[in-house]
Amino acid sequence: MIDDTMLEAEEKMEKAVEVAKENFSGIRTGRAHPGMFSKIVVDYYGAPTPLQQLASFQTPEARTILVTPFDKGAMANIEKALRESDLGVNPSNDGNIIRCVLPALTEERRKEYIKMARAQGEDAKVSIRNIRRQAKESIEKLVKDGEVGEDEGSRAEKDLETTTKKYVDTVDDLLKGKESELLEV
């Protein structure tokens, strides 16, 4: 019973860390990378479709990304979605590809991105703590119902704290890496 609770909590914490990694990859740094476009949605024949399903990406230079649509008919909608995104790009197309040159990051913009990264990191840590709270409640319920002994319950709670700390530290490490990446000029 306790093993199932611990395993489920650890799996959920792992997923929270994965979501944090994904969110951090969406935050722009000085280099162009396809992960920046993961949150952009394009109106494709009336249906909101993720840009990554409609085009391929190439990065010939550090601040340039080439978007090659699979369907040339979607070119105008992709260009519109890129222009309206929060990336600050002004896309230009030549009929086959859309070229996006990312502007250099200003000090102010870097600080804004760091704030965004910290907020996302805090969200991930809150989610990990919520998972811990739920697991702790179910362990306490098992002890209260007499399904497991108090020693076993307290041992499981200590293990849960250790696991929680491990995943919170992982999120902190990811955040530190993202911050140093953002401050790099």
C-alpha atoms as a PDB file:
ATOM      1  CA  MET A   1       0.000   0.000   0.000  1.00  0.00           C
ATOM      2  CA  ILE A   2       2.670   2.491   1.045  1.00  0.00           C
ATOM      3  CA  ASP A   3       4.897   1.401  -1.838  1.00  0.00           C
ATOM      4  CA  ASP A   4       2.087   2.134  -4.303  1.00  0.00           C
ATOM      5  CA  THR A   5       1.553   5.582  -2.790  1.00  0.00           C
ATOM      6  CA  MET A   6       5.279   6.362  -2.895  1.00  0.00           C
ATOM      7  CA  LEU A   7       5.637   5.114  -6.473  1.00  0.00           C
ATOM      8  CA  GLU A   8       2.651   7.156  -7.650  1.00  0.00           C
ATOM      9  CA  ALA A   9       3.968  10.288  -5.903  1.00  0.00           C
ATOM     10  CA  GLU A  10       7.407   9.857  -7.454  1.00  0.00           C
ATOM     11  CA  GLU A  11       5.933   9.389 -10.937  1.00  0.00           C
ATOM     12  CA  LYS A  12       3.859  12.556 -10.562  1.00  0.00           C
ATOM     13  CA  MET A  13       6.882  14.512  -9.299  1.00  0.00           C
ATOM     14  CA  GLU A  14       8.889  13.278 -12.289  1.00  0.00           C
ATOM     15  CA  LYS A  15       6.141  14.549 -14.600  1.00  0.00           C
ATOM     16  CA  ALA A  16       6.177  17.939 -12.834  1.00  0.00           C
ATOM     17  CA  VAL A  17       9.929  18.199 -13.497  1.00  0.00           C
ATOM     18  CA  GLU A  18       9.379  17.257 -17.164  1.00  0.00           C
ATOM     19  CA  VAL A  19       6.739  19.988 -17.500  1.00  0.00           C
ATOM     20  CA  ALA A  20       9.178  22.478 -15.946  1.00  0.00           C
ATOM     21  CA  LYS A  21      11.882  21.445 -18.448  1.00  0.00           C
ATOM     22  CA  GLU A  22       9.418  21.887 -21.304  1.00  0.00           C
ATOM     23  CA  ASN A  23       8.362  25.312 -20.018  1.00  0.00           C
ATOM     24  CA  PHE A  24      11.977  26.413 -19.598  1.00  0.00           C
ATOM     25  CA  SER A  25      12.802  25.345 -23.157  1.00  0.00           C
ATOM     26  CA  GLY A  26      10.009  27.601 -24.395  1.00  0.00           C
ATOM     27  CA  ILE A  27      11.674  30.652 -22.854  1.00  0.00           C
ATOM     28  CA  ARG A  28      13.868  32.372 -25.370  1.00  0.00           C
ATOM     29  CA  THR A  29      17.583  32.774 -24.795  1.00  0.00           C
ATOM     30  CA  GLY A  30      20.147  34.392 -27.078  1.00  0.00           C
ATOM     31  CA  ARG A  31      20.053  31.439 -29.484  1.00  0.00           C
ATOM     32  CA  ALA A  32      17.227  30.393 -31.768  1.00  0.00           C
ATOM     33  CA  HIS A  33      15.860  26.881 -31.209  1.00  0.00           C
ATOM     34  CA  PRO A  34      12.690  25.062 -32.296  1.00  0.00           C
ATOM     35  CA  GLY A  35      11.476  24.673 -28.691  1.00  0.00           C
ATOM     36  CA  MET A  36      10.655  28.385 -28.679  1.00  0.00           C
ATOM     37  CA  PHE A  37       7.816  27.690 -31.091  1.00  0.00           C
ATOM     38  CA  SER A  38       6.222  24.871 -29.081  1.00  0.00           C
ATOM     39  CA  LYS A  39       3.471  27.081 -27.614  1.00  0.00           C
ATOM     40  CA  ILE A  40       2.518  28.828 -30.877  1.00  0.00           C
ATOM     41  CA  VAL A  41      -0.849  27.776 -32.294  1.00  0.00           C
ATOM     42  CA  VAL A  42      -1.860  28.471 -35.909  1.00  0.00           C
ATOM     43  CA  ASP A  43      -5.382  28.733 -37.305  1.00  0.00           C
ATOM     44  CA  TYR A  44      -5.159  25.910 -39.852  1.00  0.00           C
ATOM     45  CA  TYR A  45      -8.358  25.619 -41.909  1.00  0.00           C
ATOM     46  CA  GLY A  46     -10.419  26.751 -38.926  1.00  0.00           C
ATOM     47  CA  ALA A  47      -8.768  24.447 -36.383  1.00  0.00           C
ATOM     48  CA  PRO A  48      -6.145  25.683 -33.883  1.00  0.00           C
ATOM     49  CA  THR A  49      -3.069  23.564 -34.644  1.00  0.00           C
ATOM     50  CA  PRO A  50       0.391  23.621 -32.994  1.00  0.00           C
ATOM     51  CA  LEU A  51       2.979  25.159 -35.316  1.00  0.00           C
ATOM     52  CA  GLN A  52       5.300  22.186 -34.828  1.00  0.00           C
ATOM     53  CA  GLN A  53       2.760  19.975 -36.630  1.00  0.00           C
ATOM     54  CA  LEU A  54       2.629  22.317 -39.632  1.00  0.00           C
ATOM     55  CA  ALA A  55       6.276  23.068 -40.324  1.00  0.00           C
ATOM     56  CA  SER A  56       9.888  22.035 -39.910  1.00  0.00           C
ATOM     57  CA  PHE A  57      12.568  24.259 -38.395  1.00  0.00           C
ATOM     58  CA  GLN A  58      16.215  24.940 -39.237  1.00  0.00           C
ATOM     59  CA  THR A  59      18.692  27.216 -37.470  1.00  0.00           C
ATOM     60  CA  PRO A  60      21.383  28.287 -39.953  1.00  0.00           C
ATOM     61  CA  GLU A  61      22.668  31.015 -37.582  1.00  0.00           C
ATOM     62  CA  ALA A  62      22.437  31.681 -33.845  1.00  0.00           C
ATOM     63  CA  ARG A  63      19.609  34.232 -34.137  1.00  0.00           C
ATOM     64  CA  THR A  64      17.929  33.081 -37.349  1.00  0.00           C
ATOM     65  CA  ILE A  65      15.400  30.312 -37.714  1.00  0.00           C
ATOM     66  CA  LEU A  66      13.876  29.068 -40.948  1.00  0.00           C
ATOM     67  CA  VAL A  67      10.314  27.758 -40.800  1.00  0.00           C
ATOM     68  CA  THR A  68       9.383  25.496 -43.722  1.00  0.00           C
ATOM     69  CA  PRO A  69       5.621  24.816 -43.870  1.00  0.00           C
ATOM     70  CA  PHE A  70       4.539  21.375 -45.067  1.00  0.00           C
ATOM     71  CA  ASP A  71       1.482  22.959 -46.707  1.00  0.00           C
ATOM     72  CA  LYS A  72       2.253  26.163 -48.652  1.00  0.00           C
ATOM     73  CA  GLY A  73      -1.416  27.172 -48.276  1.00  0.00           C
ATOM     74  CA  ALA A  74      -0.868  27.685 -44.559  1.00  0.00           C
ATOM     75  CA  MET A  75       2.048  30.100 -45.121  1.00  0.00           C
ATOM     76  CA  ALA A  76       0.032  33.298 -44.429  1.00  0.00           C
ATOM     77  CA  ASN A  77      -1.551  31.897 -41.254  1.00  0.00           C
ATOM     78  CA  ILE A  78       1.822  30.673 -39.938  1.00  0.00           C
ATOM     79  CA  GLU A  79       3.373  34.062 -40.642  1.00  0.00           C
ATOM     80  CA  LYS A  80       0.473  35.798 -38.842  1.00  0.00           C
ATOM     81  CA  ALA A  81       0.789  33.505 -35.792  1.00  0.00           C
ATOM     82  CA  LEU A  82       4.544  34.169 -35.614  1.00  0.00           C
ATOM     83  CA  ARG A  83       4.041  37.924 -35.858  1.00  0.00           C
ATOM     84  CA  GLU A  84       1.409  37.884 -33.071  1.00  0.00           C
ATOM     85  CA  SER A  85       3.463  35.630 -30.761  1.00  0.00           C
ATOM     86  CA  ASP A  86       5.412  36.993 -27.789  1.00  0.00           C
ATOM     87  CA  LEU A  87       8.758  36.139 -29.425  1.00  0.00           C
ATOM     88  CA  GLY A  88       9.147  39.631 -30.884  1.00  0.00           C
ATOM     89  CA  VAL A  89      10.002  38.395 -34.390  1.00  0.00           C
ATOM     90  CA  ASN A  90       9.074  39.999 -37.678  1.00  0.00           C
ATOM     91  CA  PRO A  91       8.817  37.033 -40.076  1.00  0.00           C
ATOM     92  CA  SER A  92       9.407  37.403 -43.817  1.00  0.00           C
ATOM     93  CA  ASN A  93       8.590  34.790 -46.409  1.00  0.00           C
ATOM     94  CA  ASP A  94       9.878  34.138 -49.900  1.00  0.00           C
ATOM     95  CA  GLY A  95       7.055  31.812 -50.956  1.00  0.00           C
ATOM     96  CA  ASN A  96       8.769  28.628 -49.733  1.00  0.00           C
ATOM     97  CA  ILE A  97      10.179  29.376 -46.289  1.00  0.00           C
ATOM     98  CA  ILE A  98       9.545  31.866 -43.532  1.00  0.00           C
ATOM     99  CA  ARG A  99      12.672  33.514 -42.137  1.00  0.00           C
ATOM    100  CA  CYS A 100      12.571  34.732 -38.536  1.00  0.00           C
ATOM    101  CA  VAL A 101      15.452  36.843 -37.278  1.00  0.00           C
ATOM    102  CA  LEU A 102      15.314  37.134 -33.511  1.00  0.00           C
ATOM    103  CA  PRO A 103      16.222  40.564 -32.174  1.00  0.00           C
ATOM    104  CA  ALA A 104      19.118  40.780 -29.726  1.00  0.00           C
ATOM    105  CA  LEU A 105      17.954  40.470 -26.138  1.00  0.00           C
ATOM    106  CA  THR A 106      18.050  43.704 -24.179  1.00  0.00           C
ATOM    107  CA  GLU A 107      18.919  43.742 -20.486  1.00  0.00           C
ATOM    108  CA  GLU A 108      15.293  44.539 -19.677  1.00  0.00           C
ATOM    109  CA  ARG A 109      13.987  41.652 -21.780  1.00  0.00           C
ATOM    110  CA  ARG A 110      16.471  39.242 -20.163  1.00  0.00           C
ATOM    111  CA  LYS A 111      15.240  40.240 -16.694  1.00  0.00           C
ATOM    112  CA  GLU A 112      11.657  39.752 -17.861  1.00  0.00           C
ATOM    113  CA  TYR A 113      12.495  36.237 -19.092  1.00  0.00           C
ATOM    114  CA  ILE A 114      14.251  35.451 -15.785  1.00  0.00           C
ATOM    115  CA  LYS A 115      11.107  36.512 -13.892  1.00  0.00           C
ATOM    116  CA  MET A 116       9.058  34.273 -16.174  1.00  0.00           C
ATOM    117  CA  ALA A 117      11.443  31.350 -15.582  1.00  0.00           C
ATOM    118  CA  ARG A 118      11.324  31.861 -11.814  1.00  0.00           C
ATOM    119  CA  ALA A 119       7.516  31.925 -11.857  1.00  0.00           C
ATOM    120  CA  GLN A 120       7.427  28.689 -13.853  1.00  0.00           C
ATOM    121  CA  GLY A 121       9.989  27.125 -11.504  1.00  0.00           C
ATOM    122  CA  GLU A 122       7.896  28.136  -8.496  1.00  0.00           C
ATOM    123  CA  ASP A 123       4.787  26.638 -10.155  1.00  0.00           C
ATOM    124  CA  ALA A 124       6.650  23.354 -10.606  1.00  0.00           C
ATOM    125  CA  LYS A 125       7.784  23.352  -6.967  1.00  0.00           C
ATOM    126  CA  VAL A 126       4.243  24.101  -5.750  1.00  0.00           C
ATOM    127  CA  SER A 127       2.951  21.220  -7.830  1.00  0.00           C
ATOM    128  CA  ILE A 128       5.610  18.893  -6.326  1.00  0.00           C
ATOM    129  CA  ARG A 129       4.646  20.018  -2.816  1.00  0.00           C
ATOM    130  CA  ASN A 130       0.955  19.378  -3.566  1.00  0.00           C
ATOM    131  CA  ILE A 131       1.849  15.849  -4.667  1.00  0.00           C
ATOM    132  CA  ARG A 132       3.763  15.397  -1.394  1.00  0.00           C
ATOM    133  CA  ARG A 133       0.772  16.634   0.620  1.00  0.00           C
ATOM    134  CA  GLN A 134      -1.597  14.192  -1.122  1.00  0.00           C
ATOM    135  CA  ALA A 135       0.786  11.271  -0.601  1.00  0.00           C
ATOM    136  CA  LYS A 136       1.304  12.211   3.047  1.00  0.00           C
ATOM    137  CA  GLU A 137      -2.461  12.347   3.603  1.00  0.00           C
ATOM    138  CA  SER A 138      -2.923   8.882   2.114  1.00  0.00           C
ATOM    139  CA  ILE A 139      -0.072   7.484   4.269  1.00  0.00           C
ATOM    140  CA  GLU A 140      -1.639   9.033   7.379  1.00  0.00           C
ATOM    141  CA  LYS A 141      -4.996   7.503   6.406  1.00  0.00           C
ATOM    142  CA  LEU A 142      -3.390   4.057   6.062  1.00  0.00           C
ATOM    143  CA  VAL A 143      -1.853   4.413   9.542  1.00  0.00           C
ATOM    144  CA  LYS A 144      -5.129   5.675  11.013  1.00  0.00           C
ATOM    145  CA  ASP A 145      -7.113   2.805   9.469  1.00  0.00           C
ATOM    146  CA  GLY A 146      -4.613   0.354  10.934  1.00  0.00           C
ATOM    147  CA  GLU A 147      -3.517  -1.053   7.558  1.00  0.00           C
ATOM    148  CA  VAL A 148       0.144  -0.253   8.323  1.00  0.00           C
ATOM    149  CA  GLY A 149       2.087   0.345  11.529  1.00  0.00           C
ATOM    150  CA  GLU A 150       3.094   3.782  12.806  1.00  0.00           C
ATOM    151  CA  ASP A 151       6.812   3.024  12.372  1.00  0.00           C
ATOM    152  CA  GLU A 152       6.254   2.063   8.767  1.00  0.00           C
ATOM    153  CA  GLY A 153       4.150   5.201   8.234  1.00  0.00           C
ATOM    154  CA  SER A 154       6.752   7.538   9.708  1.00  0.00           C
ATOM    155  CA  ARG A 155       9.509   5.837   7.689  1.00  0.00           C
ATOM    156  CA  ALA A 156       7.447   6.331   4.531  1.00  0.00           C
ATOM    157  CA  GLU A 157       6.902  10.010   5.395  1.00  0.00           C
ATOM    158  CA  LYS A 158      10.670  10.485   5.800  1.00  0.00           C
ATOM    159  CA  ASP A 159      11.229   8.813   2.420  1.00  0.00           C
ATOM    160  CA  LEU A 160       8.565  11.082   0.938  1.00  0.00           C
ATOM    161  CA  GLU A 161      10.358  14.173   2.290  1.00  0.00           C
ATOM    162  CA  THR A 162      13.655  12.959   0.805  1.00  0.00           C
ATOM    163  CA  THR A 163      12.018  12.329  -2.573  1.00  0.00           C
ATOM    164  CA  THR A 164      10.315  15.729  -2.501  1.00  0.00           C
ATOM    165  CA  LYS A 165      13.594  17.473  -1.706  1.00  0.00           C
ATOM    166  CA  LYS A 166      15.302  15.640  -4.582  1.00  0.00           C
ATOM    167  CA  TYR A 167      12.732  16.844  -7.122  1.00  0.00           C
ATOM    168  CA  VAL A 168      12.575  20.407  -5.754  1.00  0.00           C
ATOM    169  CA  ASP A 169      16.386  20.554  -5.983  1.00  0.00           C
ATOM    170  CA  THR A 170      16.181  19.282  -9.581  1.00  0.00           C
ATOM    171  CA  VAL A 171      13.798  22.133 -10.468  1.00  0.00           C
ATOM    172  CA  ASP A 172      16.140  24.614  -8.712  1.00  0.00           C
ATOM    173  CA  ASP A 173      19.100  23.294 -10.738  1.00  0.00           C
ATOM    174  CA  LEU A 174      17.128  23.617 -13.982  1.00  0.00           C
ATOM    175  CA  LEU A 175      16.185  27.169 -13.024  1.00  0.00           C
ATOM    176  CA  LYS A 176      19.805  28.108 -12.225  1.00  0.00           C
ATOM    177  CA  GLY A 177      20.887  26.736 -15.591  1.00  0.00           C
ATOM    178  CA  LYS A 178      18.188  28.706 -17.401  1.00  0.00           C
ATOM    179  CA  GLU A 179      19.064  31.907 -15.541  1.00  0.00           C
ATOM    180  CA  SER A 180      22.767  31.613 -16.400  1.00  0.00           C
ATOM    181  CA  GLU A 181      21.795  30.879 -20.012  1.00  0.00           C
ATOM    182  CA  LEU A 182      19.644  34.026 -20.072  1.00  0.00           C
ATOM    183  CA  LEU A 183      22.331  36.228 -18.516  1.00  0.00           C
ATOM    184  CA  GLU A 184      24.949  35.012 -21.001  1.00  0.00           C
ATOM    185  CA  VAL A 185      25.600  37.762 -23.543  1.00  0.00           C
END
